[in-house]
Amino acid sequence: MVDHGPQIKNDDQYDALRDEGMSKQKAARIANSNTHKTAVKGGKASQYEQRTKKQLYDKAKEVGISGRSKMNKQELINALRES
């Protein structure tokens, strides 16, 4: 097992997801999520357009999107949807 630092909560799950071919961002998002929350379909997250730029930036940081500091709100939305 490799320690990916404090930004990855579940290193084993992260490694397994990366081995399956998932992107770093998607594997980190899944490995850092609460298992119960990811199993519930139709969560209560607001649509990206309804969030502030700061909220979008924080989410992009959470999932590891690079270049986020130079992105405008729409670019952050697009990057989050692609991750």
N, C-alpha and C. Protein backbone atom coordinates (compact mmCIF):
# COMPACT_ATOMS: atom_id res chain seq x y z
N MET A 1 0.83 -1.17 0.00
CA MET A 1 0.00 0.00 0.00
C MET A 1 0.88 1.25 0.00
N VAL A 2 0.53 2.19 -0.84
CA VAL A 2 1.24 3.46 -0.92
C VAL A 2 0.45 4.51 -0.16
N ASP A 3 1.14 5.31 0.63
CA ASP A 3 0.48 6.40 1.34
C ASP A 3 0.44 7.61 0.42
N HIS A 4 -0.75 8.01 0.01
CA HIS A 4 -0.92 9.13 -0.91
C HIS A 4 -1.05 10.45 -0.16
N GLY A 5 -0.83 10.45 1.12
CA GLY A 5 -0.88 11.66 1.92
C GLY A 5 -2.27 11.92 2.47
N PRO A 6 -2.42 13.02 3.17
CA PRO A 6 -3.69 13.32 3.83
C PRO A 6 -4.84 13.63 2.88
N GLN A 7 -4.54 13.92 1.61
CA GLN A 7 -5.60 14.25 0.67
C GLN A 7 -6.40 13.03 0.23
N ILE A 8 -5.88 11.82 0.42
CA ILE A 8 -6.59 10.59 0.08
C ILE A 8 -6.92 9.86 1.38
N LYS A 9 -8.21 9.67 1.63
CA LYS A 9 -8.64 9.05 2.89
C LYS A 9 -8.53 7.53 2.87
N ASN A 10 -8.72 6.91 1.72
CA ASN A 10 -8.69 5.45 1.63
C ASN A 10 -7.69 5.06 0.54
N ASP A 11 -6.44 4.86 0.92
CA ASP A 11 -5.38 4.57 -0.05
C ASP A 11 -5.61 3.28 -0.81
N ASP A 12 -6.09 2.23 -0.12
CA ASP A 12 -6.33 0.94 -0.80
C ASP A 12 -7.37 1.08 -1.89
N GLN A 13 -8.47 1.75 -1.58
CA GLN A 13 -9.53 1.93 -2.57
C GLN A 13 -9.04 2.79 -3.73
N TYR A 14 -8.29 3.84 -3.42
CA TYR A 14 -7.74 4.71 -4.46
C TYR A 14 -6.86 3.90 -5.43
N ASP A 15 -5.95 3.09 -4.87
CA ASP A 15 -5.07 2.27 -5.71
C ASP A 15 -5.86 1.30 -6.57
N ALA A 16 -6.88 0.67 -6.00
CA ALA A 16 -7.69 -0.28 -6.75
C ALA A 16 -8.42 0.41 -7.90
N LEU A 17 -8.95 1.58 -7.65
CA LEU A 17 -9.66 2.32 -8.69
C LEU A 17 -8.71 2.78 -9.79
N ARG A 18 -7.51 3.21 -9.42
CA ARG A 18 -6.51 3.62 -10.42
C ARG A 18 -6.09 2.43 -11.26
N ASP A 19 -5.96 1.25 -10.62
CA ASP A 19 -5.61 0.03 -11.35
C ASP A 19 -6.68 -0.34 -12.37
N GLU A 20 -7.93 0.01 -12.07
CA GLU A 20 -9.04 -0.25 -12.99
C GLU A 20 -9.07 0.76 -14.14
N GLY A 21 -8.23 1.78 -14.06
CA GLY A 21 -8.14 2.75 -15.15
C GLY A 21 -8.86 4.07 -14.90
N MET A 22 -9.36 4.29 -13.70
CA MET A 22 -10.03 5.56 -13.41
C MET A 22 -9.03 6.69 -13.33
N SER A 23 -9.51 7.90 -13.63
CA SER A 23 -8.66 9.08 -13.54
C SER A 23 -8.31 9.33 -12.07
N LYS A 24 -7.25 10.09 -11.86
CA LYS A 24 -6.85 10.43 -10.50
C LYS A 24 -7.97 11.16 -9.77
N GLN A 25 -8.61 12.09 -10.47
CA GLN A 25 -9.66 12.88 -9.85
C GLN A 25 -10.84 12.02 -9.43
N LYS A 26 -11.29 11.14 -10.32
CA LYS A 26 -12.45 10.31 -10.01
C LYS A 26 -12.12 9.31 -8.90
N ALA A 27 -10.94 8.70 -8.96
CA ALA A 27 -10.53 7.75 -7.92
C ALA A 27 -10.43 8.45 -6.57
N ALA A 28 -9.89 9.66 -6.55
CA ALA A 28 -9.78 10.40 -5.30
C ALA A 28 -11.15 10.76 -4.75
N ARG A 29 -12.05 11.18 -5.65
CA ARG A 29 -13.39 11.54 -5.20
C ARG A 29 -14.10 10.36 -4.56
N ILE A 30 -13.98 9.19 -5.17
CA ILE A 30 -14.63 8.00 -4.62
C ILE A 30 -13.95 7.55 -3.34
N ALA A 31 -12.62 7.53 -3.33
CA ALA A 31 -11.88 7.07 -2.15
C ALA A 31 -12.06 8.01 -0.96
N ASN A 32 -12.36 9.27 -1.22
CA ASN A 32 -12.54 10.24 -0.15
C ASN A 32 -13.98 10.39 0.30
N SER A 33 -14.89 9.76 -0.40
CA SER A 33 -16.30 9.92 -0.05
C SER A 33 -16.71 8.93 1.03
N ASN A 34 -17.75 9.26 1.71
CA ASN A 34 -18.34 8.36 2.68
C ASN A 34 -19.06 7.28 1.89
N THR A 35 -18.83 6.01 2.17
CA THR A 35 -19.40 4.91 1.40
C THR A 35 -20.91 5.00 1.32
N HIS A 36 -21.55 5.37 2.40
CA HIS A 36 -23.00 5.47 2.41
C HIS A 36 -23.48 6.54 1.43
N LYS A 37 -22.83 7.67 1.41
CA LYS A 37 -23.25 8.76 0.54
C LYS A 37 -23.10 8.40 -0.93
N THR A 38 -22.07 7.66 -1.29
CA THR A 38 -21.88 7.32 -2.69
C THR A 38 -22.83 6.23 -3.13
N ALA A 39 -23.40 5.49 -2.19
CA ALA A 39 -24.32 4.42 -2.55
C ALA A 39 -25.75 4.93 -2.74
N VAL A 40 -26.03 6.13 -2.27
CA VAL A 40 -27.37 6.68 -2.37
C VAL A 40 -27.54 7.35 -3.72
N LYS A 41 -28.53 6.89 -4.47
CA LYS A 41 -28.77 7.46 -5.79
C LYS A 41 -29.60 8.74 -5.66
N GLY A 42 -29.32 9.70 -6.50
CA GLY A 42 -30.10 10.92 -6.49
C GLY A 42 -29.83 11.80 -5.29
N GLY A 43 -28.56 12.09 -5.06
CA GLY A 43 -28.19 12.91 -3.91
C GLY A 43 -28.79 14.30 -3.97
N LYS A 44 -28.55 15.07 -2.94
CA LYS A 44 -29.16 16.38 -2.82
C LYS A 44 -28.19 17.51 -3.16
N ALA A 45 -27.13 17.21 -3.89
CA ALA A 45 -26.19 18.26 -4.28
C ALA A 45 -26.86 19.22 -5.25
N SER A 46 -26.62 20.50 -5.04
CA SER A 46 -27.22 21.49 -5.93
C SER A 46 -26.57 21.42 -7.30
N GLN A 47 -27.29 21.88 -8.29
CA GLN A 47 -26.71 21.93 -9.62
C GLN A 47 -25.54 22.90 -9.60
N TYR A 48 -24.55 22.62 -10.41
CA TYR A 48 -23.35 23.45 -10.41
C TYR A 48 -23.67 24.92 -10.70
N GLU A 49 -24.61 25.18 -11.56
CA GLU A 49 -24.94 26.56 -11.91
C GLU A 49 -25.48 27.35 -10.72
N GLN A 50 -26.02 26.67 -9.74
CA GLN A 50 -26.58 27.34 -8.57
C GLN A 50 -25.53 27.59 -7.48
N ARG A 51 -24.34 27.07 -7.67
CA ARG A 51 -23.29 27.24 -6.68
C ARG A 51 -22.47 28.49 -6.99
N THR A 52 -21.81 29.02 -5.97
CA THR A 52 -20.94 30.17 -6.18
C THR A 52 -19.62 29.70 -6.78
N LYS A 53 -18.86 30.65 -7.32
CA LYS A 53 -17.56 30.30 -7.88
C LYS A 53 -16.66 29.71 -6.80
N LYS A 54 -16.72 30.26 -5.58
CA LYS A 54 -15.90 29.73 -4.48
C LYS A 54 -16.29 28.29 -4.16
N GLN A 55 -17.58 27.98 -4.15
CA GLN A 55 -18.02 26.61 -3.90
C GLN A 55 -17.52 25.67 -4.99
N LEU A 56 -17.58 26.13 -6.23
CA LEU A 56 -17.09 25.32 -7.35
C LEU A 56 -15.58 25.13 -7.25
N TYR A 57 -14.86 26.20 -6.89
CA TYR A 57 -13.42 26.12 -6.72
C TYR A 57 -13.06 25.11 -5.63
N ASP A 58 -13.76 25.17 -4.51
CA ASP A 58 -13.50 24.25 -3.40
C ASP A 58 -13.76 22.81 -3.81
N LYS A 59 -14.82 22.58 -4.58
CA LYS A 59 -15.13 21.23 -5.06
C LYS A 59 -14.04 20.76 -6.03
N ALA A 60 -13.60 21.65 -6.92
CA ALA A 60 -12.53 21.31 -7.86
C ALA A 60 -11.25 20.97 -7.12
N LYS A 61 -10.97 21.70 -6.05
CA LYS A 61 -9.79 21.41 -5.23
C LYS A 61 -9.93 20.04 -4.58
N GLU A 62 -11.13 19.75 -4.07
CA GLU A 62 -11.40 18.47 -3.41
C GLU A 62 -11.14 17.29 -4.33
N VAL A 63 -11.53 17.41 -5.59
CA VAL A 63 -11.37 16.29 -6.52
C VAL A 63 -10.05 16.35 -7.29
N GLY A 64 -9.24 17.38 -7.04
CA GLY A 64 -7.89 17.42 -7.62
C GLY A 64 -7.80 17.95 -9.03
N ILE A 65 -8.65 18.87 -9.42
CA ILE A 65 -8.59 19.44 -10.76
C ILE A 65 -7.49 20.49 -10.79
N SER A 66 -6.55 20.31 -11.70
CA SER A 66 -5.44 21.25 -11.80
C SER A 66 -5.83 22.45 -12.67
N GLY A 67 -5.20 23.57 -12.45
CA GLY A 67 -5.46 24.79 -13.20
C GLY A 67 -6.72 25.51 -12.76
N ARG A 68 -7.30 25.09 -11.66
CA ARG A 68 -8.58 25.65 -11.21
C ARG A 68 -8.50 27.12 -10.83
N SER A 69 -7.34 27.58 -10.38
CA SER A 69 -7.22 28.97 -9.93
C SER A 69 -7.38 29.96 -11.08
N LYS A 70 -7.15 29.52 -12.30
CA LYS A 70 -7.27 30.40 -13.46
C LYS A 70 -8.60 30.25 -14.18
N MET A 71 -9.48 29.38 -13.67
CA MET A 71 -10.75 29.11 -14.34
C MET A 71 -11.85 30.06 -13.87
N ASN A 72 -12.73 30.41 -14.82
CA ASN A 72 -13.92 31.16 -14.44
C ASN A 72 -15.00 30.16 -14.03
N LYS A 73 -16.15 30.66 -13.65
CA LYS A 73 -17.21 29.79 -13.12
C LYS A 73 -17.61 28.71 -14.13
N GLN A 74 -17.82 29.08 -15.38
CA GLN A 74 -18.24 28.10 -16.38
C GLN A 74 -17.16 27.06 -16.64
N GLU A 75 -15.90 27.47 -16.65
CA GLU A 75 -14.81 26.52 -16.84
C GLU A 75 -14.72 25.54 -15.68
N LEU A 76 -14.96 26.03 -14.45
CA LEU A 76 -14.98 25.13 -13.29
C LEU A 76 -16.11 24.12 -13.42
N ILE A 77 -17.28 24.57 -13.84
CA ILE A 77 -18.42 23.67 -14.04
C ILE A 77 -18.07 22.60 -15.06
N ASN A 78 -17.51 23.01 -16.19
CA ASN A 78 -17.15 22.04 -17.25
C ASN A 78 -16.11 21.04 -16.73
N ALA A 79 -15.10 21.53 -16.00
CA ALA A 79 -14.05 20.64 -15.49
C ALA A 79 -14.64 19.64 -14.48
N LEU A 80 -15.55 20.09 -13.63
CA LEU A 80 -16.16 19.20 -12.66
C LEU A 80 -17.03 18.15 -13.35
N ARG A 81 -17.71 18.53 -14.40
CA ARG A 81 -18.56 17.57 -15.11
C ARG A 81 -17.73 16.54 -15.85
N GLU A 82 -16.55 16.91 -16.28
CA GLU A 82 -15.67 15.97 -17.00
C GLU A 82 -14.92 15.02 -16.07
N SER A 83 -14.82 15.39 -14.80
CA SER A 83 -14.04 14.56 -13.88
C SER A 83 -14.82 13.36 -13.40
